[in-house]
Structures are given as C-alpha cells and as structure tokens.
N, C-alpha and C. Protein backbone atom coordinates (compact mmCIF):
# COMPACT_ATOMS: atom_id res chain seq x y z
N MET A 1 -30.96 -25.46 -25.55
CA MET A 1 -30.19 -24.44 -25.48
C MET A 1 -30.37 -23.39 -26.66
N SER A 2 -30.45 -22.22 -26.39
CA SER A 2 -30.72 -21.06 -27.36
C SER A 2 -29.48 -20.90 -28.26
N ASP A 3 -29.83 -20.45 -29.62
CA ASP A 3 -28.68 -20.11 -30.35
C ASP A 3 -28.38 -18.61 -30.33
N ARG A 4 -29.13 -17.87 -29.49
CA ARG A 4 -28.78 -16.50 -29.04
C ARG A 4 -29.12 -16.24 -27.68
N ILE A 5 -28.20 -15.42 -27.10
CA ILE A 5 -28.42 -15.30 -25.63
C ILE A 5 -28.35 -13.70 -25.43
N ALA A 6 -29.23 -13.21 -24.41
CA ALA A 6 -29.15 -11.75 -24.15
C ALA A 6 -28.63 -11.69 -22.70
N VAL A 7 -27.65 -10.87 -22.33
CA VAL A 7 -27.16 -10.74 -20.93
C VAL A 7 -27.65 -9.25 -20.55
N MET A 8 -28.35 -9.29 -19.30
CA MET A 8 -28.83 -8.23 -18.80
C MET A 8 -28.29 -7.94 -17.32
N HIS A 9 -28.28 -6.69 -16.97
CA HIS A 9 -27.71 -6.44 -15.65
C HIS A 9 -28.48 -5.07 -15.24
N GLU A 10 -29.08 -5.26 -14.06
CA GLU A 10 -29.90 -4.07 -13.46
C GLU A 10 -30.72 -3.42 -14.61
N GLY A 11 -31.58 -4.15 -15.22
CA GLY A 11 -32.52 -3.79 -16.23
C GLY A 11 -31.81 -3.34 -17.54
N ARG A 12 -30.52 -3.43 -17.69
CA ARG A 12 -29.94 -2.67 -18.89
C ARG A 12 -29.46 -4.10 -19.69
N LEU A 13 -29.71 -3.90 -21.00
CA LEU A 13 -29.24 -5.05 -21.97
C LEU A 13 -27.79 -4.74 -22.27
N LEU A 14 -26.83 -5.73 -21.88
CA LEU A 14 -25.46 -5.57 -22.12
C LEU A 14 -24.93 -6.17 -23.47
N GLN A 15 -25.48 -7.28 -23.65
CA GLN A 15 -25.04 -8.00 -24.96
C GLN A 15 -25.90 -9.05 -25.47
N VAL A 16 -26.11 -9.12 -26.73
CA VAL A 16 -26.76 -10.09 -27.40
C VAL A 16 -26.04 -10.87 -28.31
N GLY A 17 -25.92 -12.23 -28.48
CA GLY A 17 -25.11 -12.93 -29.41
C GLY A 17 -25.23 -14.40 -29.26
N THR A 18 -24.47 -15.01 -29.99
CA THR A 18 -24.41 -16.45 -29.86
C THR A 18 -23.67 -16.91 -28.52
N PRO A 19 -23.96 -18.20 -28.10
CA PRO A 19 -23.14 -18.41 -26.95
C PRO A 19 -21.62 -18.23 -26.97
N GLU A 20 -21.21 -18.60 -28.18
CA GLU A 20 -19.72 -18.54 -28.52
C GLU A 20 -19.25 -17.09 -28.38
N ASP A 21 -20.04 -16.24 -29.22
CA ASP A 21 -19.65 -14.82 -29.20
C ASP A 21 -19.51 -14.19 -27.86
N ILE A 22 -20.59 -14.46 -27.00
CA ILE A 22 -20.64 -13.94 -25.60
C ILE A 22 -19.46 -14.38 -24.78
N TYR A 23 -19.17 -15.73 -24.98
CA TYR A 23 -18.12 -16.32 -24.08
C TYR A 23 -16.76 -15.73 -24.56
N GLN A 24 -16.49 -15.87 -25.81
CA GLN A 24 -15.13 -15.55 -26.48
C GLN A 24 -14.98 -14.04 -26.64
N ARG A 25 -16.05 -13.27 -26.76
CA ARG A 25 -15.81 -11.73 -27.01
C ARG A 25 -16.87 -11.01 -26.17
N PRO A 26 -16.63 -11.10 -24.93
CA PRO A 26 -17.70 -10.41 -24.02
C PRO A 26 -17.47 -8.86 -24.25
N ALA A 27 -18.72 -8.13 -24.14
CA ALA A 27 -18.68 -6.75 -24.27
C ALA A 27 -18.10 -6.08 -23.20
N ASN A 28 -18.17 -6.47 -22.06
CA ASN A 28 -17.51 -5.68 -20.78
C ASN A 28 -17.23 -6.74 -19.71
N ARG A 29 -16.84 -6.15 -18.79
CA ARG A 29 -16.27 -6.91 -17.44
C ARG A 29 -17.39 -7.79 -16.94
N PHE A 30 -18.59 -7.17 -16.70
CA PHE A 30 -19.76 -7.88 -16.13
C PHE A 30 -20.02 -9.18 -16.95
N VAL A 31 -20.07 -8.99 -18.28
CA VAL A 31 -20.48 -10.22 -19.18
C VAL A 31 -19.36 -11.19 -19.10
N ALA A 32 -18.02 -10.93 -19.09
CA ALA A 32 -16.97 -11.79 -19.06
C ALA A 32 -17.00 -12.55 -17.77
N ASP A 33 -17.39 -11.92 -16.65
CA ASP A 33 -17.37 -12.69 -15.42
C ASP A 33 -18.79 -13.45 -15.18
N PHE A 34 -19.72 -13.00 -15.89
CA PHE A 34 -21.11 -13.58 -15.59
C PHE A 34 -21.13 -14.97 -16.44
N ILE A 35 -20.58 -14.95 -17.63
CA ILE A 35 -20.47 -16.23 -18.54
C ILE A 35 -19.28 -16.90 -18.35
N GLY A 36 -19.47 -17.98 -17.44
CA GLY A 36 -18.27 -18.76 -17.12
C GLY A 36 -17.24 -18.35 -16.34
N ARG A 37 -16.22 -19.01 -16.19
CA ARG A 37 -15.06 -18.44 -15.26
C ARG A 37 -14.00 -17.69 -16.12
N THR A 38 -13.49 -16.70 -15.56
CA THR A 38 -12.32 -15.88 -16.25
C THR A 38 -11.42 -15.27 -15.20
N ASN A 39 -10.32 -15.01 -15.69
CA ASN A 39 -9.29 -14.21 -14.96
C ASN A 39 -9.39 -12.77 -15.50
N LEU A 40 -9.57 -11.86 -14.71
CA LEU A 40 -9.55 -10.44 -15.06
C LEU A 40 -8.27 -9.62 -14.47
N LEU A 41 -7.48 -9.31 -15.52
CA LEU A 41 -6.10 -8.81 -15.25
C LEU A 41 -6.29 -7.30 -15.46
N GLU A 42 -6.11 -6.46 -14.56
CA GLU A 42 -6.15 -4.96 -14.60
C GLU A 42 -5.17 -4.53 -15.59
N ALA A 43 -5.52 -3.56 -16.47
CA ALA A 43 -4.70 -3.08 -17.57
C ALA A 43 -5.08 -1.63 -17.93
N THR A 44 -4.36 -0.91 -18.68
CA THR A 44 -4.51 0.21 -19.38
C THR A 44 -4.23 0.16 -20.87
N VAL A 45 -5.10 0.88 -21.69
CA VAL A 45 -5.05 0.78 -23.08
C VAL A 45 -3.84 1.75 -23.40
N ALA A 46 -2.72 1.07 -24.19
CA ALA A 46 -1.68 1.79 -24.59
C ALA A 46 -1.74 2.27 -26.09
N SER A 47 -2.49 1.47 -26.72
CA SER A 47 -2.67 1.76 -28.24
C SER A 47 -3.70 0.80 -28.69
N ALA A 48 -4.22 0.97 -29.95
CA ALA A 48 -5.30 0.13 -30.58
C ALA A 48 -5.05 -1.47 -30.58
N ASP A 49 -3.63 -1.73 -30.34
CA ASP A 49 -3.41 -3.08 -30.18
C ASP A 49 -2.49 -3.56 -29.13
N GLU A 50 -2.53 -2.76 -28.26
CA GLU A 50 -1.61 -3.08 -26.99
C GLU A 50 -2.13 -2.54 -25.74
N VAL A 51 -2.02 -3.21 -24.64
CA VAL A 51 -2.49 -2.78 -23.30
C VAL A 51 -1.17 -3.03 -22.38
N VAL A 52 -1.20 -2.30 -21.14
CA VAL A 52 -0.15 -2.47 -20.37
C VAL A 52 -0.79 -3.00 -19.02
N LEU A 53 -0.41 -4.17 -18.55
CA LEU A 53 -0.90 -4.78 -17.56
C LEU A 53 -0.48 -4.12 -16.14
N SER A 54 -1.08 -4.26 -15.04
CA SER A 54 -0.66 -3.62 -13.71
C SER A 54 0.60 -3.85 -13.34
N ASN A 55 1.34 -4.74 -13.72
CA ASN A 55 2.71 -5.11 -13.32
C ASN A 55 3.67 -4.37 -14.39
N GLY A 56 3.14 -3.60 -15.37
CA GLY A 56 3.94 -2.99 -16.28
C GLY A 56 4.27 -3.83 -17.68
N MET A 57 3.82 -5.00 -17.68
CA MET A 57 3.97 -5.76 -18.85
C MET A 57 3.17 -5.45 -20.05
N ARG A 58 3.75 -5.36 -21.23
CA ARG A 58 3.04 -4.83 -22.35
C ARG A 58 2.52 -6.11 -23.18
N VAL A 59 1.23 -6.03 -23.52
CA VAL A 59 0.64 -7.31 -24.10
C VAL A 59 -0.04 -6.81 -25.33
N GLN A 60 0.12 -7.64 -26.47
CA GLN A 60 -0.61 -7.28 -27.66
C GLN A 60 -2.10 -7.69 -27.44
N ALA A 61 -3.11 -6.73 -27.71
CA ALA A 61 -4.53 -7.21 -27.48
C ALA A 61 -5.25 -5.81 -28.13
N ALA A 62 -6.08 -6.27 -29.08
CA ALA A 62 -6.76 -5.22 -29.82
C ALA A 62 -7.88 -4.57 -28.82
N SER A 63 -8.06 -3.27 -29.08
CA SER A 63 -9.00 -2.47 -28.25
C SER A 63 -9.66 -1.35 -29.16
N GLU A 64 -10.83 -0.97 -29.02
CA GLU A 64 -11.38 0.24 -29.66
C GLU A 64 -11.42 1.27 -28.60
N LEU A 65 -11.05 1.09 -27.31
CA LEU A 65 -11.12 2.01 -26.36
C LEU A 65 -9.93 3.05 -26.48
N ALA A 66 -10.25 4.20 -25.91
CA ALA A 66 -9.25 5.24 -26.04
C ALA A 66 -7.86 5.05 -25.13
N PHE A 67 -6.81 5.58 -25.69
CA PHE A 67 -5.57 5.43 -25.03
C PHE A 67 -5.76 5.89 -23.63
N GLY A 68 -5.17 5.22 -22.68
CA GLY A 68 -5.30 5.61 -21.20
C GLY A 68 -6.44 5.05 -20.55
N THR A 69 -7.43 4.49 -21.10
CA THR A 69 -8.46 3.87 -20.61
C THR A 69 -8.28 2.69 -19.61
N LYS A 70 -8.78 2.75 -18.37
CA LYS A 70 -8.58 1.52 -17.45
C LYS A 70 -9.42 0.40 -17.93
N VAL A 71 -8.80 -0.72 -18.21
CA VAL A 71 -9.76 -1.89 -18.59
C VAL A 71 -9.32 -3.14 -17.74
N ALA A 72 -9.81 -4.29 -18.31
CA ALA A 72 -9.31 -5.60 -17.80
C ALA A 72 -9.12 -6.39 -18.99
N VAL A 73 -8.25 -7.31 -18.86
CA VAL A 73 -7.89 -8.33 -19.79
C VAL A 73 -8.55 -9.69 -19.35
N SER A 74 -9.55 -10.23 -20.13
CA SER A 74 -10.08 -11.46 -19.83
C SER A 74 -9.27 -12.61 -20.48
N LEU A 75 -8.87 -13.57 -19.44
CA LEU A 75 -8.09 -14.71 -19.89
C LEU A 75 -8.98 -15.91 -19.32
N ARG A 76 -9.43 -16.76 -20.07
CA ARG A 76 -10.28 -17.85 -19.65
C ARG A 76 -9.35 -18.81 -19.14
N PRO A 77 -9.66 -19.57 -17.89
CA PRO A 77 -8.76 -20.60 -17.40
C PRO A 77 -8.26 -21.59 -18.42
N GLU A 78 -9.26 -22.00 -19.15
CA GLU A 78 -8.91 -23.20 -20.13
C GLU A 78 -8.17 -22.78 -21.41
N GLN A 79 -7.91 -21.28 -21.53
CA GLN A 79 -7.30 -20.96 -22.60
C GLN A 79 -5.75 -20.49 -22.19
N ALA A 80 -5.58 -20.71 -20.91
CA ALA A 80 -4.19 -20.48 -20.31
C ALA A 80 -3.46 -21.68 -20.30
N PHE A 81 -2.15 -21.56 -20.37
CA PHE A 81 -1.34 -22.74 -20.42
C PHE A 81 -0.27 -22.67 -19.25
N LEU A 82 0.04 -23.79 -18.59
CA LEU A 82 0.95 -23.78 -17.38
C LEU A 82 2.10 -24.58 -17.79
N ASP A 83 3.37 -23.96 -17.50
CA ASP A 83 4.61 -24.74 -17.74
C ASP A 83 5.44 -24.43 -16.63
N ARG A 84 6.64 -25.03 -16.57
CA ARG A 84 7.58 -24.74 -15.56
C ARG A 84 8.15 -23.55 -16.05
N ARG A 85 8.77 -22.67 -15.03
CA ARG A 85 9.15 -21.29 -15.32
C ARG A 85 10.13 -21.38 -16.44
N GLY A 86 9.95 -20.61 -17.47
CA GLY A 86 10.87 -20.36 -18.61
C GLY A 86 10.51 -21.48 -19.74
N ASP A 87 9.61 -22.27 -19.56
CA ASP A 87 9.38 -23.27 -20.59
C ASP A 87 8.09 -22.95 -21.50
N SER A 88 7.64 -21.72 -21.44
CA SER A 88 6.56 -21.28 -22.39
C SER A 88 6.82 -21.27 -23.81
N PRO A 89 5.73 -21.55 -24.59
CA PRO A 89 6.14 -21.45 -26.00
C PRO A 89 6.70 -20.25 -26.56
N ALA A 90 7.67 -20.22 -27.34
CA ALA A 90 8.21 -18.95 -27.90
C ALA A 90 7.35 -18.13 -28.49
N GLY A 91 7.31 -16.82 -28.34
CA GLY A 91 6.49 -15.87 -29.02
C GLY A 91 5.11 -15.71 -28.21
N TRP A 92 4.80 -16.54 -27.21
CA TRP A 92 3.53 -16.38 -26.50
C TRP A 92 3.82 -15.49 -25.35
N PRO A 93 3.03 -14.59 -24.91
CA PRO A 93 3.00 -13.79 -23.80
C PRO A 93 2.87 -14.65 -22.55
N SER A 94 3.56 -14.46 -21.57
CA SER A 94 3.70 -15.29 -20.24
C SER A 94 3.93 -14.34 -19.05
N ILE A 95 3.43 -14.81 -17.94
CA ILE A 95 3.51 -14.27 -16.65
C ILE A 95 4.08 -15.19 -15.72
N ASP A 96 5.21 -14.96 -15.10
CA ASP A 96 5.83 -15.85 -13.97
C ASP A 96 5.03 -15.89 -12.63
N GLY A 97 5.03 -16.94 -12.14
CA GLY A 97 4.36 -17.00 -10.84
C GLY A 97 4.75 -18.25 -10.01
N VAL A 98 4.01 -18.51 -8.81
CA VAL A 98 4.29 -19.65 -8.06
C VAL A 98 2.94 -20.36 -7.88
N LEU A 99 2.98 -21.72 -8.14
CA LEU A 99 1.73 -22.48 -7.96
C LEU A 99 1.39 -22.71 -6.55
N ARG A 100 0.17 -22.15 -6.24
CA ARG A 100 -0.23 -22.23 -4.74
C ARG A 100 -1.18 -23.31 -4.55
N GLU A 101 -1.94 -23.81 -5.37
CA GLU A 101 -2.97 -24.91 -5.21
C GLU A 101 -3.23 -25.57 -6.49
N VAL A 102 -3.51 -26.84 -6.41
CA VAL A 102 -3.86 -27.70 -7.50
C VAL A 102 -5.08 -28.59 -6.97
N THR A 103 -6.17 -28.43 -7.69
CA THR A 103 -7.49 -29.12 -7.35
C THR A 103 -7.89 -30.19 -8.44
N TYR A 104 -8.08 -31.27 -8.19
CA TYR A 104 -8.52 -32.35 -8.98
C TYR A 104 -10.04 -32.26 -9.13
N VAL A 105 -10.44 -32.09 -10.38
CA VAL A 105 -11.96 -31.97 -10.64
C VAL A 105 -12.50 -32.96 -11.68
N GLY A 106 -11.96 -34.20 -11.62
CA GLY A 106 -12.34 -35.25 -12.41
C GLY A 106 -11.58 -35.15 -13.76
N ASN A 107 -12.14 -34.53 -14.71
CA ASN A 107 -11.51 -34.54 -15.99
C ASN A 107 -10.45 -33.36 -16.18
N ALA A 108 -10.20 -32.60 -15.19
CA ALA A 108 -9.34 -31.52 -15.15
C ALA A 108 -8.62 -31.25 -13.80
N LEU A 109 -7.51 -30.46 -13.99
CA LEU A 109 -6.83 -30.03 -12.84
C LEU A 109 -6.99 -28.49 -12.87
N VAL A 110 -7.42 -27.84 -11.59
CA VAL A 110 -7.51 -26.37 -11.58
C VAL A 110 -6.25 -25.86 -10.86
N HIS A 111 -5.58 -25.03 -11.37
CA HIS A 111 -4.30 -24.66 -10.85
C HIS A 111 -4.56 -23.08 -10.29
N SER A 112 -4.05 -22.76 -9.16
CA SER A 112 -4.21 -21.40 -8.72
C SER A 112 -2.60 -20.91 -8.87
N VAL A 113 -2.44 -19.94 -9.52
CA VAL A 113 -1.07 -19.43 -9.57
C VAL A 113 -0.98 -18.02 -9.03
N ALA A 114 -0.10 -17.70 -8.09
CA ALA A 114 0.17 -16.43 -7.63
C ALA A 114 1.19 -15.55 -8.27
N VAL A 115 0.76 -14.55 -9.04
CA VAL A 115 1.74 -13.58 -9.56
C VAL A 115 1.75 -12.38 -8.73
N ASP A 116 2.67 -11.41 -9.16
CA ASP A 116 2.98 -10.46 -8.33
C ASP A 116 1.79 -9.51 -7.79
N TRP A 117 0.53 -9.51 -8.53
CA TRP A 117 -0.49 -8.71 -8.20
C TRP A 117 -1.83 -9.37 -8.22
N ILE A 118 -1.75 -10.63 -8.59
CA ILE A 118 -3.31 -11.35 -8.72
C ILE A 118 -2.95 -12.86 -8.71
N THR A 119 -3.99 -13.60 -8.40
CA THR A 119 -3.87 -15.02 -8.69
C THR A 119 -4.75 -15.47 -9.87
N ILE A 120 -3.97 -16.19 -10.71
CA ILE A 120 -4.54 -16.51 -11.96
C ILE A 120 -5.03 -18.01 -11.93
N GLU A 121 -6.16 -18.41 -12.43
CA GLU A 121 -6.72 -19.76 -12.46
C GLU A 121 -6.40 -20.29 -13.86
N VAL A 122 -5.70 -21.50 -13.96
CA VAL A 122 -5.45 -22.17 -15.21
C VAL A 122 -6.11 -23.59 -15.06
N ARG A 123 -6.96 -23.94 -16.05
CA ARG A 123 -7.46 -25.28 -16.03
C ARG A 123 -6.79 -26.18 -17.08
N THR A 124 -6.26 -27.20 -16.85
CA THR A 124 -5.78 -28.13 -17.72
C THR A 124 -6.51 -29.51 -17.84
N PRO A 125 -6.55 -30.20 -18.83
CA PRO A 125 -7.05 -31.58 -18.92
C PRO A 125 -6.23 -32.44 -17.87
N TYR A 126 -7.00 -33.38 -17.19
CA TYR A 126 -6.32 -34.23 -16.44
C TYR A 126 -5.95 -35.50 -17.17
N ARG A 127 -4.61 -35.97 -17.05
CA ARG A 127 -4.08 -37.08 -17.77
C ARG A 127 -3.32 -37.74 -16.65
N SER A 128 -3.81 -39.04 -16.39
CA SER A 128 -3.20 -39.84 -15.50
C SER A 128 -1.68 -40.22 -15.67
N THR A 129 -1.30 -40.15 -16.98
CA THR A 129 -0.07 -40.51 -17.38
C THR A 129 1.09 -39.44 -17.07
N GLU A 130 0.50 -38.19 -16.84
CA GLU A 130 1.48 -37.13 -16.69
C GLU A 130 1.71 -36.87 -15.26
N THR A 131 2.96 -36.26 -14.89
CA THR A 131 3.33 -36.05 -13.64
C THR A 131 2.74 -34.50 -13.41
N PRO A 132 1.92 -34.30 -12.46
CA PRO A 132 1.44 -32.93 -12.31
C PRO A 132 2.54 -32.05 -11.58
N LEU A 133 2.37 -30.69 -11.76
CA LEU A 133 3.19 -29.74 -11.10
C LEU A 133 2.73 -29.76 -9.76
N HIS A 134 3.60 -29.39 -8.74
CA HIS A 134 3.06 -29.38 -7.18
C HIS A 134 3.15 -28.12 -6.71
N THR A 135 2.50 -27.93 -5.71
CA THR A 135 2.39 -26.54 -5.09
C THR A 135 3.84 -25.90 -4.70
N GLY A 136 4.05 -24.79 -4.87
CA GLY A 136 5.31 -24.26 -4.48
C GLY A 136 6.14 -24.12 -5.74
N ALA A 137 5.85 -24.85 -6.99
CA ALA A 137 6.67 -24.75 -8.23
C ALA A 137 6.48 -23.50 -8.68
N GLU A 138 7.78 -23.02 -9.32
CA GLU A 138 7.87 -21.85 -10.03
C GLU A 138 7.44 -22.01 -11.43
N VAL A 139 6.38 -21.34 -11.91
CA VAL A 139 5.74 -21.86 -13.07
C VAL A 139 5.53 -20.43 -14.12
N SER A 140 5.25 -20.61 -15.24
CA SER A 140 4.80 -19.58 -16.14
C SER A 140 3.45 -19.80 -16.66
N VAL A 141 2.72 -18.80 -16.66
CA VAL A 141 1.22 -18.86 -17.37
C VAL A 141 1.27 -18.12 -18.58
N SER A 142 0.84 -18.79 -19.72
CA SER A 142 1.03 -18.18 -21.04
C SER A 142 -0.41 -18.49 -21.73
N TRP A 143 -0.31 -17.72 -22.87
CA TRP A 143 -1.60 -17.90 -23.68
C TRP A 143 -1.06 -17.51 -25.08
N GLU A 144 -1.97 -18.16 -26.06
CA GLU A 144 -1.75 -17.89 -27.52
C GLU A 144 -1.85 -16.50 -27.77
N PRO A 145 -1.06 -15.99 -28.68
CA PRO A 145 -1.36 -14.46 -29.10
C PRO A 145 -2.72 -14.45 -29.60
N GLY A 146 -3.44 -13.53 -29.23
CA GLY A 146 -4.97 -13.35 -29.51
C GLY A 146 -5.81 -14.11 -28.67
N GLY A 147 -5.22 -14.74 -27.63
CA GLY A 147 -6.13 -15.62 -26.73
C GLY A 147 -6.77 -14.89 -25.52
N ILE A 148 -6.62 -13.53 -25.49
CA ILE A 148 -7.26 -12.65 -24.61
C ILE A 148 -8.30 -11.62 -25.14
N THR A 149 -9.15 -11.16 -24.29
CA THR A 149 -10.16 -10.11 -24.74
C THR A 149 -9.80 -9.03 -23.80
N VAL A 150 -10.00 -7.71 -24.30
CA VAL A 150 -9.98 -6.52 -23.60
C VAL A 150 -11.43 -6.15 -23.31
N VAL A 151 -11.64 -5.85 -22.01
CA VAL A 151 -13.12 -5.55 -21.62
C VAL A 151 -12.84 -4.29 -20.80
N GLY A 152 -13.85 -3.39 -21.15
CA GLY A 152 -14.15 -2.21 -20.16
C GLY A 152 -15.15 -2.27 -19.20
N ASP A 153 -15.57 -1.25 -18.64
CA ASP A 153 -16.54 -1.38 -17.43
C ASP A 153 -17.89 -1.50 -18.17
C-alpha cells in the first residue's frame, strides 16, 4: 500500500494525499464516491460554517465555497449512527427516517434508511448480543459534529 494516492478522472488530477486525507477529506464529489462508500446529501452553502440540506435542515459544516453554491455533504456509512427515533445523542445532528433494509455482512450490519429525499446507508458493527432494529422501525441517523465533509463538483 502506498503512503500517497493520486486520484484522476478523465485525465485530470483531482487530489493527491495520504489514504486517510483522501478518504476523510475528499476534494470533490467524484473523489468522495470513488474512495469507499459514502452518502452524498445534496445541500447549499449558507455560510463558511453551515450548509442547508435539501430538506431545509441547517447543519454545521465548514466550507470554503461561496454562499449559495450547490454542494453535497459526504457522510461515510461507518461514521453514521443509528438509533430509535428521538434517541440520538444530544447536540449531534440527526435526520429521522424509516429503516427499509438490514443486511448482515459478517462483522457488520448495513442499514438502509429512507428519509424524506434520499436513502442513507449506515454501517454498524455486528454484535450477536445486541437486538438489531428491524425493517419498518422509525429511526434517527446521526453523526458527530464535524463528522461530515462538504464537497463541490
């Protein structure tokens, strides 16, 4: 494995960095989607530290892009948390939805959560001692403040 990666698309160099930099802080939408799985939530830049998601929800997220710029917010499935609706940690951003599918993949469970405008994937560690949520459950998807990345085109 290399200690630096270059991501190219259609002959253009998009980003060079460590694997962690590229995964955690992708330069744009293509890089975010190319390196691993991610949820891309459509948004608009409201200020240097806030975006407005497609559903009108305001979320704290740093961006150097201009006010009004259409962007996406990258939320990695393993950085999202799933709780029963209303049980998200205090102070964390959260979106309510309905659990549509749960897939067992060995060491993890992959949850598909339908929210009002998108389906969000949440990946949680599998623990045989826990009672999993079932399809149809009303849930909240949350993330730690700072756990998302704003990406432009």
